Amino acid sequence: MAVNLYWMHCGGCGGDSMSMLNAESPNIIETIHELDINVLWHPSFSFAPPADHRRLLDALISREVGLDILCIEGAVIRGPENTGMFGIFEGKPKKNLVAQLADRAGIVIAIGTCASFGGVTGAGATDAVGLQFSKKDIGGFLGKNFRSGKGLPVINLPGCPVHPTVLMGMLTAAARGVSMDLNTYNAPLEYYSMLVHQGCTRNEYHEYRIEETDFGQKGCLFFHLGCQGPLAHAPCNKFLWNNRNCKTRSGVPCNGCTEPDFPRDDPYFYTPNIVGLPIHLPDGVNRPHYLAYKSMAAAAAPDRLKHRKTEV
């Protein structure tokens, strides 16, 4: 039996849709065919005229057509002054349509960090929030008690953009009726239980506190250059982007784009610290023990790490 999916774009860029096109093994076409997903509408790829789209929406809202999966890309814009008129559809606040469709959907999936937590869109003056979270605070647009037709909270797939493998995996689970354990922020543990730091090719440098103060070398970027790898939960070093690379492997600090407080207030390439020790440490880490451990580790660092070569 076909599964009906409607994809709605709210406040933000279309980066998650573009990321979806990079999915491989399976790609999006293979996924749709294999799972018998009927894509009722996608704002970038559907080509029905506006009148047909309006009739589809009326049928969904009246429940004449069932809505199994609702995907929301982008934050829900509430401004100015909760009118929602900064983000409109057919001259009316788009947030009203979000509420109507969410009420009809079997599963609601927040695609990307903006839809999950507010993200970049929420950092502006639009009064934009995630579907069920506003940064770390539960509630968001739909409220903390929202449950979909299948009794689920909004399932968050954060990332700026979301990794295509994560998106394909979640669509597969949703279409097949497979339940997934969620973390505190309602993101699937299958994809968001590990830190970006895990699997990073610079881990050995981190363990021995071989830290860089400038770009272009192989050492760790956590202590000085703002890398969020030890703090951010994401599979970027498990599922490489384009099956080839990720930020830290390229010598670029992780910006923590899957975390609820992204984008953070601190400068991107700077690590806030107290007496040379990062203010924000990984969950469960004891600050005095961490300082003592890192001091001893630095003293014991092998010469092959200390005398690393500049990357080409």
C-alpha atoms as a PDB file:
ATOM      1  CA  MET A   1       0.000   0.000   0.000  1.00  0.00           C
ATOM      2  CA  ALA A   2       1.397   3.371  -0.997  1.00  0.00           C
ATOM      3  CA  VAL A   3       2.535   5.794   1.696  1.00  0.00           C
ATOM      4  CA  ASN A   4       1.513   9.419   1.124  1.00  0.00           C
ATOM      5  CA  LEU A   5       4.186  12.032   1.821  1.00  0.00           C
ATOM      6  CA  TYR A   6       3.837  15.820   1.710  1.00  0.00           C
ATOM      7  CA  TRP A   7       6.957  18.015   1.944  1.00  0.00           C
ATOM      8  CA  MET A   8       6.485  21.613   3.060  1.00  0.00           C
ATOM      9  CA  HIS A   9       9.085  24.376   3.003  1.00  0.00           C
ATOM     10  CA  CYS A  10       8.983  27.021   5.721  1.00  0.00           C
ATOM     11  CA  GLY A  11      11.558  29.606   6.842  1.00  0.00           C
ATOM     12  CA  GLY A  12      15.087  28.932   5.643  1.00  0.00           C
ATOM     13  CA  CYS A  13      17.081  27.781   2.657  1.00  0.00           C
ATOM     14  CA  GLY A  14      16.502  24.658   0.591  1.00  0.00           C
ATOM     15  CA  GLY A  15      19.753  23.021   1.675  1.00  0.00           C
ATOM     16  CA  ASP A  16      18.079  19.910   3.077  1.00  0.00           C
ATOM     17  CA  SER A  17      16.340  19.233  -0.219  1.00  0.00           C
ATOM     18  CA  MET A  18      19.647  19.705  -2.016  1.00  0.00           C
ATOM     19  CA  SER A  19      21.324  17.325   0.425  1.00  0.00           C
ATOM     20  CA  MET A  20      18.623  14.767  -0.298  1.00  0.00           C
ATOM     21  CA  LEU A  21      19.659  14.760  -3.951  1.00  0.00           C
ATOM     22  CA  ASN A  22      23.135  13.602  -2.890  1.00  0.00           C
ATOM     23  CA  ALA A  23      21.835  10.390  -1.335  1.00  0.00           C
ATOM     24  CA  GLU A  24      23.494   7.266  -2.700  1.00  0.00           C
ATOM     25  CA  SER A  25      22.797   3.542  -2.299  1.00  0.00           C
ATOM     26  CA  PRO A  26      19.896   4.074  -2.329  1.00  0.00           C
ATOM     27  CA  ASN A  27      19.256   7.429  -3.929  1.00  0.00           C
ATOM     28  CA  ILE A  28      15.978   9.269  -3.506  1.00  0.00           C
ATOM     29  CA  ILE A  29      14.363   7.781  -6.639  1.00  0.00           C
ATOM     30  CA  GLU A  30      15.256   4.232  -5.590  1.00  0.00           C
ATOM     31  CA  THR A  31      13.998   4.927  -2.072  1.00  0.00           C
ATOM     32  CA  ILE A  32      10.645   6.239  -3.260  1.00  0.00           C
ATOM     33  CA  HIS A  33      10.087   3.304  -5.619  1.00  0.00           C
ATOM     34  CA  GLU A  34      11.285   0.613  -3.218  1.00  0.00           C
ATOM     35  CA  LEU A  35       9.154   1.907  -0.325  1.00  0.00           C
ATOM     36  CA  ASP A  36       6.157   2.770  -2.526  1.00  0.00           C
ATOM     37  CA  ILE A  37       6.150   6.378  -1.301  1.00  0.00           C
ATOM     38  CA  ASN A  38       3.677   8.606  -3.083  1.00  0.00           C
ATOM     39  CA  VAL A  39       5.173  12.110  -2.975  1.00  0.00           C
ATOM     40  CA  LEU A  40       2.074  14.260  -3.046  1.00  0.00           C
ATOM     41  CA  TRP A  41       4.062  17.480  -3.152  1.00  0.00           C
ATOM     42  CA  HIS A  42       7.568  18.842  -2.894  1.00  0.00           C
ATOM     43  CA  PRO A  43       8.015  22.627  -3.295  1.00  0.00           C
ATOM     44  CA  SER A  44      11.099  22.323  -5.519  1.00  0.00           C
ATOM     45  CA  PHE A  45      10.382  19.203  -7.549  1.00  0.00           C
ATOM     46  CA  SER A  46       6.602  19.092  -8.010  1.00  0.00           C
ATOM     47  CA  PHE A  47       5.210  20.756 -11.115  1.00  0.00           C
ATOM     48  CA  ALA A  48       1.419  20.742 -10.671  1.00  0.00           C
ATOM     49  CA  PRO A  49      -0.242  24.140 -11.179  1.00  0.00           C
ATOM     50  CA  PRO A  50      -1.302  26.174  -8.104  1.00  0.00           C
ATOM     51  CA  ALA A  51      -4.981  25.256  -8.517  1.00  0.00           C
ATOM     52  CA  ASP A  52      -4.166  21.538  -8.332  1.00  0.00           C
ATOM     53  CA  HIS A  53      -1.952  22.118  -5.303  1.00  0.00           C
ATOM     54  CA  ARG A  54      -4.792  23.983  -3.602  1.00  0.00           C
ATOM     55  CA  ARG A  55      -7.182  21.104  -4.274  1.00  0.00           C
ATOM     56  CA  LEU A  56      -4.642  18.687  -2.831  1.00  0.00           C
ATOM     57  CA  LEU A  57      -4.311  20.752   0.343  1.00  0.00           C
ATOM     58  CA  ASP A  58      -8.097  20.926   0.721  1.00  0.00           C
ATOM     59  CA  ALA A  59      -8.282  17.142   0.354  1.00  0.00           C
ATOM     60  CA  LEU A  60      -5.561  16.638   2.982  1.00  0.00           C
ATOM     61  CA  ILE A  61      -7.131  19.057   5.442  1.00  0.00           C
ATOM     62  CA  SER A  62     -10.587  17.483   5.002  1.00  0.00           C
ATOM     63  CA  ARG A  63      -9.004  14.012   5.364  1.00  0.00           C
ATOM     64  CA  GLU A  64     -10.316  13.009   1.964  1.00  0.00           C
ATOM     65  CA  VAL A  65      -6.676  12.115   1.186  1.00  0.00           C
ATOM     66  CA  GLY A  66      -4.597  10.490   3.918  1.00  0.00           C
ATOM     67  CA  LEU A  67      -1.316  12.012   5.027  1.00  0.00           C
ATOM     68  CA  ASP A  68       1.101   9.378   6.296  1.00  0.00           C
ATOM     69  CA  ILE A  69       4.316  11.417   6.447  1.00  0.00           C
ATOM     70  CA  LEU A  70       4.623  15.196   6.756  1.00  0.00           C
ATOM     71  CA  CYS A  71       8.128  16.566   6.187  1.00  0.00           C
ATOM     72  CA  ILE A  72       8.773  20.161   7.216  1.00  0.00           C
ATOM     73  CA  GLU A  73      11.937  21.881   6.000  1.00  0.00           C
ATOM     74  CA  GLY A  74      12.751  25.221   7.618  1.00  0.00           C
ATOM     75  CA  ALA A  75      11.644  26.911  10.825  1.00  0.00           C
ATOM     76  CA  VAL A  76       8.078  28.012  11.500  1.00  0.00           C
ATOM     77  CA  ILE A  77       7.930  31.807  11.238  1.00  0.00           C
ATOM     78  CA  ARG A  78       5.659  33.442  13.834  1.00  0.00           C
ATOM     79  CA  GLY A  79       6.588  37.117  13.440  1.00  0.00           C
ATOM     80  CA  PRO A  80       5.764  39.885  13.469  1.00  0.00           C
ATOM     81  CA  GLU A  81       4.024  39.781  16.839  1.00  0.00           C
ATOM     82  CA  ASN A  82       2.795  36.200  16.352  1.00  0.00           C
ATOM     83  CA  THR A  83       0.885  37.054  13.169  1.00  0.00           C
ATOM     84  CA  GLY A  84       3.055  34.824  10.997  1.00  0.00           C
ATOM     85  CA  MET A  85       2.865  37.356   8.180  1.00  0.00           C
ATOM     86  CA  PHE A  86       6.641  37.280   7.672  1.00  0.00           C
ATOM     87  CA  GLY A  87       6.073  33.860   6.093  1.00  0.00           C
ATOM     88  CA  ILE A  88       2.908  33.511   4.020  1.00  0.00           C
ATOM     89  CA  PHE A  89       1.209  31.122   1.605  1.00  0.00           C
ATOM     90  CA  GLU A  90      -1.632  32.366  -0.568  1.00  0.00           C
ATOM     91  CA  GLY A  91      -1.616  35.582   1.438  1.00  0.00           C
ATOM     92  CA  LYS A  92      -2.133  33.808   4.771  1.00  0.00           C
ATOM     93  CA  PRO A  93       0.344  32.830   7.507  1.00  0.00           C
ATOM     94  CA  LYS A  94       2.075  29.615   6.527  1.00  0.00           C
ATOM     95  CA  LYS A  95       2.189  28.609  10.187  1.00  0.00           C
ATOM     96  CA  ASN A  96      -1.567  28.017  10.093  1.00  0.00           C
ATOM     97  CA  LEU A  97      -1.126  25.484   7.309  1.00  0.00           C
ATOM     98  CA  VAL A  98       1.666  23.785   9.268  1.00  0.00           C
ATOM     99  CA  ALA A  99      -0.702  23.323  12.210  1.00  0.00           C
ATOM    100  CA  GLN A 100      -3.488  21.959  10.015  1.00  0.00           C
ATOM    101  CA  LEU A 101      -1.304  19.451   8.221  1.00  0.00           C
ATOM    102  CA  ALA A 102       0.487  18.324  11.392  1.00  0.00           C
ATOM    103  CA  ASP A 103      -2.910  17.571  12.910  1.00  0.00           C
ATOM    104  CA  ARG A 104      -3.660  15.217   9.990  1.00  0.00           C
ATOM    105  CA  ALA A 105      -0.273  13.502   9.677  1.00  0.00           C
ATOM    106  CA  GLY A 106       0.596  10.025  10.853  1.00  0.00           C
ATOM    107  CA  ILE A 107       4.248  11.029  11.340  1.00  0.00           C
ATOM    108  CA  VAL A 108       5.764  14.519  11.384  1.00  0.00           C
ATOM    109  CA  ILE A 109       9.461  14.827  10.561  1.00  0.00           C
ATOM    110  CA  ALA A 110      11.453  18.029  11.071  1.00  0.00           C
ATOM    111  CA  ILE A 111      14.043  18.102   8.285  1.00  0.00           C
ATOM    112  CA  GLY A 112      17.179  20.003   9.303  1.00  0.00           C
ATOM    113  CA  THR A 113      18.147  22.157  12.270  1.00  0.00           C
ATOM    114  CA  CYS A 114      15.837  25.062  11.426  1.00  0.00           C
ATOM    115  CA  ALA A 115      12.760  22.816  11.463  1.00  0.00           C
ATOM    116  CA  SER A 116      14.035  21.000  14.545  1.00  0.00           C
ATOM    117  CA  PHE A 117      15.198  23.872  16.757  1.00  0.00           C
ATOM    118  CA  GLY A 118      14.899  27.182  14.899  1.00  0.00           C
ATOM    119  CA  GLY A 119      18.460  27.170  13.573  1.00  0.00           C
ATOM    120  CA  VAL A 120      19.784  30.030  11.485  1.00  0.00           C
ATOM    121  CA  THR A 121      16.257  31.278  10.712  1.00  0.00           C
ATOM    122  CA  GLY A 122      15.452  31.434  14.416  1.00  0.00           C
ATOM    123  CA  ALA A 123      18.516  33.587  15.037  1.00  0.00           C
ATOM    124  CA  GLY A 124      16.985  36.477  13.099  1.00  0.00           C
ATOM    125  CA  ALA A 125      14.092  38.843  13.793  1.00  0.00           C
ATOM    126  CA  THR A 126      11.415  36.547  12.351  1.00  0.00           C
ATOM    127  CA  ASP A 127      10.436  34.960  15.695  1.00  0.00           C
ATOM    128  CA  ALA A 128      10.979  31.566  14.079  1.00  0.00           C
ATOM    129  CA  VAL A 129      11.073  28.322  16.062  1.00  0.00           C
ATOM    130  CA  GLY A 130      11.337  24.612  15.481  1.00  0.00           C
ATOM    131  CA  LEU A 131       8.248  22.444  15.264  1.00  0.00           C
ATOM    132  CA  GLN A 132       8.512  21.154  18.832  1.00  0.00           C
ATOM    133  CA  PHE A 133      11.637  22.854  20.182  1.00  0.00           C
ATOM    134  CA  SER A 134      12.887  26.397  20.413  1.00  0.00           C
ATOM    135  CA  LYS A 135      16.603  25.770  20.701  1.00  0.00           C
ATOM    136  CA  LYS A 136      16.919  23.541  23.792  1.00  0.00           C
ATOM    137  CA  ASP A 137      13.466  24.338  25.166  1.00  0.00           C
ATOM    138  CA  ILE A 138      10.688  21.903  24.361  1.00  0.00           C
ATOM    139  CA  GLY A 139       7.502  23.479  23.077  1.00  0.00           C
ATOM    140  CA  GLY A 140       8.323  25.160  19.801  1.00  0.00           C
ATOM    141  CA  PHE A 141       5.432  25.877  17.478  1.00  0.00           C
ATOM    142  CA  LEU A 142       3.284  22.779  17.997  1.00  0.00           C
ATOM    143  CA  GLY A 143       3.763  22.605  21.775  1.00  0.00           C
ATOM    144  CA  LYS A 144       5.409  20.039  24.007  1.00  0.00           C
ATOM    145  CA  ASN A 145       2.316  17.820  24.153  1.00  0.00           C
ATOM    146  CA  PHE A 146       1.883  17.457  20.399  1.00  0.00           C
ATOM    147  CA  ARG A 147       1.566  13.916  19.127  1.00  0.00           C
ATOM    148  CA  SER A 148       1.034  12.818  15.545  1.00  0.00           C
ATOM    149  CA  GLY A 149      -1.644  10.433  14.355  1.00  0.00           C
ATOM    150  CA  LYS A 150       0.618   7.516  15.310  1.00  0.00           C
ATOM    151  CA  GLY A 151       1.138   8.920  18.790  1.00  0.00           C
ATOM    152  CA  LEU A 152       4.663  10.213  18.145  1.00  0.00           C
ATOM    153  CA  PRO A 153       6.296  13.554  18.899  1.00  0.00           C
ATOM    154  CA  VAL A 154       7.881  15.435  16.020  1.00  0.00           C
ATOM    155  CA  ILE A 155      10.902  13.408  14.946  1.00  0.00           C
ATOM    156  CA  ASN A 156      13.865  15.747  14.569  1.00  0.00           C
ATOM    157  CA  LEU A 157      16.603  15.243  11.976  1.00  0.00           C
ATOM    158  CA  PRO A 158      18.962  18.146  12.740  1.00  0.00           C
ATOM    159  CA  GLY A 159      21.821  19.171  10.500  1.00  0.00           C
ATOM    160  CA  CYS A 160      22.610  22.191   8.376  1.00  0.00           C
ATOM    161  CA  PRO A 161      21.855  20.398   6.172  1.00  0.00           C
ATOM    162  CA  VAL A 162      20.691  16.988   7.364  1.00  0.00           C
ATOM    163  CA  HIS A 163      22.910  14.175   6.134  1.00  0.00           C
ATOM    164  CA  PRO A 164      21.239  12.379   3.194  1.00  0.00           C
ATOM    165  CA  THR A 165      21.903   8.942   4.703  1.00  0.00           C
ATOM    166  CA  VAL A 166      20.063   9.991   7.861  1.00  0.00           C
ATOM    167  CA  LEU A 167      17.128  11.283   5.827  1.00  0.00           C
ATOM    168  CA  MET A 168      16.878   8.107   3.703  1.00  0.00           C
ATOM    169  CA  GLY A 169      17.094   5.969   6.835  1.00  0.00           C
ATOM    170  CA  MET A 170      14.331   7.867   8.591  1.00  0.00           C
ATOM    171  CA  LEU A 171      12.060   7.799   5.551  1.00  0.00           C
ATOM    172  CA  THR A 172      12.608   4.063   5.321  1.00  0.00           C
ATOM    173  CA  ALA A 173      11.710   3.562   8.980  1.00  0.00           C
ATOM    174  CA  ALA A 174       8.638   5.790   8.687  1.00  0.00           C
ATOM    175  CA  ALA A 175       7.367   4.100   5.533  1.00  0.00           C
ATOM    176  CA  ARG A 176       7.947   0.604   6.914  1.00  0.00           C
ATOM    177  CA  GLY A 177       6.468   1.374  10.330  1.00  0.00           C
ATOM    178  CA  VAL A 178       9.740   0.703  12.163  1.00  0.00           C
ATOM    179  CA  SER A 179      10.004   2.521  15.492  1.00  0.00           C
ATOM    180  CA  MET A 180      13.259   4.266  16.373  1.00  0.00           C
ATOM    181  CA  ASP A 181      14.496   5.165  19.849  1.00  0.00           C
ATOM    182  CA  LEU A 182      14.858   8.915  20.303  1.00  0.00           C
ATOM    183  CA  ASN A 183      17.216  11.057  22.372  1.00  0.00           C
ATOM    184  CA  THR A 184      16.316  13.998  24.616  1.00  0.00           C
ATOM    185  CA  TYR A 185      15.695  16.183  21.588  1.00  0.00           C
ATOM    186  CA  ASN A 186      13.562  13.585  19.766  1.00  0.00           C
ATOM    187  CA  ALA A 187      16.293  12.734  17.261  1.00  0.00           C
ATOM    188  CA  PRO A 188      16.864   9.042  16.386  1.00  0.00           C
ATOM    189  CA  LEU A 189      19.618   7.496  18.499  1.00  0.00           C
ATOM    190  CA  GLU A 190      20.565   5.411  15.487  1.00  0.00           C
ATOM    191  CA  TYR A 191      22.111   8.557  14.009  1.00  0.00           C
ATOM    192  CA  TYR A 192      22.579  11.028  16.858  1.00  0.00           C
ATOM    193  CA  SER A 193      23.984   8.964  19.728  1.00  0.00           C
ATOM    194  CA  MET A 194      27.617   9.450  18.719  1.00  0.00           C
ATOM    195  CA  LEU A 195      29.780  12.549  18.735  1.00  0.00           C
ATOM    196  CA  VAL A 196      31.352  13.985  15.606  1.00  0.00           C
ATOM    197  CA  HIS A 197      34.615  13.510  17.531  1.00  0.00           C
ATOM    198  CA  GLN A 198      34.179   9.736  17.382  1.00  0.00           C
ATOM    199  CA  GLY A 199      35.796   8.536  14.186  1.00  0.00           C
ATOM    200  CA  CYS A 200      37.619  11.814  13.609  1.00  0.00           C
ATOM    201  CA  THR A 201      41.017  11.229  12.002  1.00  0.00           C
ATOM    202  CA  ARG A 202      42.491  13.814  14.378  1.00  0.00           C
ATOM    203  CA  ASN A 203      41.548  11.915  17.547  1.00  0.00           C
ATOM    204  CA  GLU A 204      45.088  10.887  18.433  1.00  0.00           C
ATOM    205  CA  TYR A 205      46.195  14.518  18.345  1.00  0.00           C
ATOM    206  CA  HIS A 206      43.321  15.407  20.655  1.00  0.00           C
ATOM    207  CA  GLU A 207      44.233  12.676  23.155  1.00  0.00           C
ATOM    208  CA  TYR A 208      47.791  13.997  23.408  1.00  0.00           C
ATOM    209  CA  ARG A 209      46.667  17.635  23.345  1.00  0.00           C
ATOM    210  CA  ILE A 210      48.454  18.424  20.121  1.00  0.00           C
ATOM    211  CA  GLU A 211      46.342  21.467  19.350  1.00  0.00           C
ATOM    212  CA  GLU A 212      46.546  23.889  16.481  1.00  0.00           C
ATOM    213  CA  THR A 213      46.326  27.655  16.785  1.00  0.00           C
ATOM    214  CA  ASP A 214      46.089  28.178  13.016  1.00  0.00           C
ATOM    215  CA  PHE A 215      44.832  26.270  10.020  1.00  0.00           C
ATOM    216  CA  GLY A 216      46.817  24.005   7.734  1.00  0.00           C
ATOM    217  CA  GLN A 217      48.230  21.359  10.082  1.00  0.00           C
ATOM    218  CA  LYS A 218      47.054  17.960  11.247  1.00  0.00           C
ATOM    219  CA  GLY A 219      46.508  18.591  14.949  1.00  0.00           C
ATOM    220  CA  CYS A 220      43.247  18.936  16.882  1.00  0.00           C
ATOM    221  CA  LEU A 221      41.099  22.043  16.477  1.00  0.00           C
ATOM    222  CA  PHE A 222      39.131  21.837  19.737  1.00  0.00           C
ATOM    223  CA  PHE A 223      41.179  23.872  22.235  1.00  0.00           C
ATOM    224  CA  HIS A 224      41.773  26.964  20.110  1.00  0.00           C
ATOM    225  CA  LEU A 225      39.887  26.959  16.794  1.00  0.00           C
ATOM    226  CA  GLY A 226      36.314  26.402  17.924  1.00  0.00           C
ATOM    227  CA  CYS A 227      35.795  22.802  16.815  1.00  0.00           C
ATOM    228  CA  GLN A 228      32.552  21.389  18.236  1.00  0.00           C
ATOM    229  CA  GLY A 229      33.399  17.783  17.377  1.00  0.00           C
ATOM    230  CA  PRO A 230      33.668  16.645  21.036  1.00  0.00           C
ATOM    231  CA  LEU A 231      30.317  18.335  21.811  1.00  0.00           C
ATOM    232  CA  ALA A 232      28.101  17.769  18.753  1.00  0.00           C
ATOM    233  CA  HIS A 233      26.051  14.611  18.231  1.00  0.00           C
ATOM    234  CA  ALA A 234      26.050  13.627  14.567  1.00  0.00           C
ATOM    235  CA  PRO A 235      27.262  10.789  12.296  1.00  0.00           C
ATOM    236  CA  CYS A 236      29.524  12.951  10.105  1.00  0.00           C
ATOM    237  CA  ASN A 237      32.552  10.697  10.698  1.00  0.00           C
ATOM    238  CA  LYS A 238      30.423   7.565  10.352  1.00  0.00           C
ATOM    239  CA  PHE A 239      28.669   8.521   7.117  1.00  0.00           C
ATOM    240  CA  LEU A 240      31.086  10.723   5.221  1.00  0.00           C
ATOM    241  CA  TRP A 241      29.644  13.453   3.030  1.00  0.00           C
ATOM    242  CA  ASN A 242      29.567  12.299  -0.594  1.00  0.00           C
ATOM    243  CA  ASN A 243      31.122   9.104   0.822  1.00  0.00           C
ATOM    244  CA  ARG A 244      34.451  10.949   0.872  1.00  0.00           C
ATOM    245  CA  ASN A 245      34.976  13.596   3.495  1.00  0.00           C
ATOM    246  CA  CYS A 246      33.797  15.761   6.385  1.00  0.00           C
ATOM    247  CA  LYS A 247      34.793  19.064   7.953  1.00  0.00           C
ATOM    248  CA  THR A 248      37.383  17.787  10.432  1.00  0.00           C
ATOM    249  CA  ARG A 249      39.045  15.532   7.858  1.00  0.00           C
ATOM    250  CA  SER A 250      39.393  18.609   5.648  1.00  0.00           C
ATOM    251  CA  GLY A 251      40.971  20.628   8.451  1.00  0.00           C
ATOM    252  CA  VAL A 252      37.845  22.705   9.115  1.00  0.00           C
ATOM    253  CA  PRO A 253      36.403  22.863  12.653  1.00  0.00           C
ATOM    254  CA  CYS A 254      33.017  21.230  13.168  1.00  0.00           C
ATOM    255  CA  ASN A 255      30.462  24.005  13.720  1.00  0.00           C
ATOM    256  CA  GLY A 256      28.038  21.851  15.726  1.00  0.00           C
ATOM    257  CA  CYS A 257      25.195  22.346  13.265  1.00  0.00           C
ATOM    258  CA  THR A 258      23.143  19.453  14.691  1.00  0.00           C
ATOM    259  CA  GLU A 259      22.951  20.953  18.172  1.00  0.00           C
ATOM    260  CA  PRO A 260      19.893  22.879  19.442  1.00  0.00           C
ATOM    261  CA  ASP A 261      21.889  26.065  20.131  1.00  0.00           C
ATOM    262  CA  PHE A 262      23.248  26.324  16.576  1.00  0.00           C
ATOM    263  CA  PRO A 263      24.237  28.917  15.472  1.00  0.00           C
ATOM    264  CA  ARG A 264      25.968  29.737  18.737  1.00  0.00           C
ATOM    265  CA  ASP A 265      26.947  33.234  19.808  1.00  0.00           C
ATOM    266  CA  ASP A 266      30.701  32.555  19.999  1.00  0.00           C
ATOM    267  CA  PRO A 267      32.931  33.306  17.017  1.00  0.00           C
ATOM    268  CA  TYR A 268      33.188  30.196  14.850  1.00  0.00           C
ATOM    269  CA  PHE A 269      36.950  29.838  14.826  1.00  0.00           C
ATOM    270  CA  TYR A 270      37.516  30.599  18.502  1.00  0.00           C
ATOM    271  CA  THR A 271      37.187  28.372  21.571  1.00  0.00           C
ATOM    272  CA  PRO A 272      35.978  30.203  24.712  1.00  0.00           C
ATOM    273  CA  ASN A 273      38.258  29.109  27.543  1.00  0.00           C
ATOM    274  CA  ILE A 274      39.177  29.556  31.191  1.00  0.00           C
ATOM    275  CA  VAL A 275      42.929  29.456  31.818  1.00  0.00           C
ATOM    276  CA  GLY A 276      43.441  27.721  28.492  1.00  0.00           C
ATOM    277  CA  LEU A 277      40.786  25.040  29.094  1.00  0.00           C
ATOM    278  CA  PRO A 278      37.634  25.097  26.941  1.00  0.00           C
ATOM    279  CA  ILE A 279      34.569  26.276  28.840  1.00  0.00           C
ATOM    280  CA  HIS A 280      32.350  23.683  27.175  1.00  0.00           C
ATOM    281  CA  LEU A 281      33.510  20.108  27.724  1.00  0.00           C
ATOM    282  CA  PRO A 282      31.949  16.835  26.535  1.00  0.00           C
ATOM    283  CA  ASP A 283      29.053  15.438  28.586  1.00  0.00           C
ATOM    284  CA  GLY A 284      30.152  13.777  31.822  1.00  0.00           C
ATOM    285  CA  VAL A 285      33.700  15.155  31.759  1.00  0.00           C
ATOM    286  CA  ASN A 286      35.069  16.395  35.084  1.00  0.00           C
ATOM    287  CA  ARG A 287      36.894  19.691  34.541  1.00  0.00           C
ATOM    288  CA  PRO A 288      39.759  19.273  37.070  1.00  0.00           C
ATOM    289  CA  HIS A 289      40.365  15.682  35.959  1.00  0.00           C
ATOM    290  CA  TYR A 290      40.292  16.738  32.320  1.00  0.00           C
ATOM    291  CA  LEU A 291      42.870  19.469  32.923  1.00  0.00           C
ATOM    292  CA  ALA A 292      45.175  17.094  34.780  1.00  0.00           C
ATOM    293  CA  TYR A 293      44.795  14.372  32.173  1.00  0.00           C
ATOM    294  CA  LYS A 294      45.446  16.708  29.258  1.00  0.00           C
ATOM    295  CA  SER A 295      48.541  18.167  30.938  1.00  0.00           C
ATOM    296  CA  MET A 296      50.023  14.696  31.452  1.00  0.00           C
ATOM    297  CA  ALA A 297      49.027  13.609  27.953  1.00  0.00           C
ATOM    298  CA  ALA A 298      50.745  16.627  26.390  1.00  0.00           C
ATOM    299  CA  ALA A 299      53.946  15.805  28.262  1.00  0.00           C
ATOM    300  CA  ALA A 300      53.813  12.223  26.998  1.00  0.00           C
ATOM    301  CA  ALA A 301      53.025  13.057  23.368  1.00  0.00           C
ATOM    302  CA  PRO A 302      55.139  11.078  20.861  1.00  0.00           C
ATOM    303  CA  ASP A 303      57.592  13.012  18.720  1.00  0.00           C
ATOM    304  CA  ARG A 304      55.844  11.870  15.543  1.00  0.00           C
ATOM    305  CA  LEU A 305      52.789  13.857  16.666  1.00  0.00           C
ATOM    306  CA  LYS A 306      54.688  16.855  17.979  1.00  0.00           C
ATOM    307  CA  HIS A 307      56.637  17.225  14.743  1.00  0.00           C
ATOM    308  CA  ARG A 308      53.664  16.834  12.424  1.00  0.00           C
ATOM    309  CA  LYS A 309      53.897  18.149   8.894  1.00  0.00           C
ATOM    310  CA  THR A 310      51.767  20.872   7.387  1.00  0.00           C
ATOM    311  CA  GLU A 311      48.920  19.443   5.356  1.00  0.00           C
ATOM    312  CA  VAL A 312      49.053  19.762   1.590  1.00  0.00           C
END
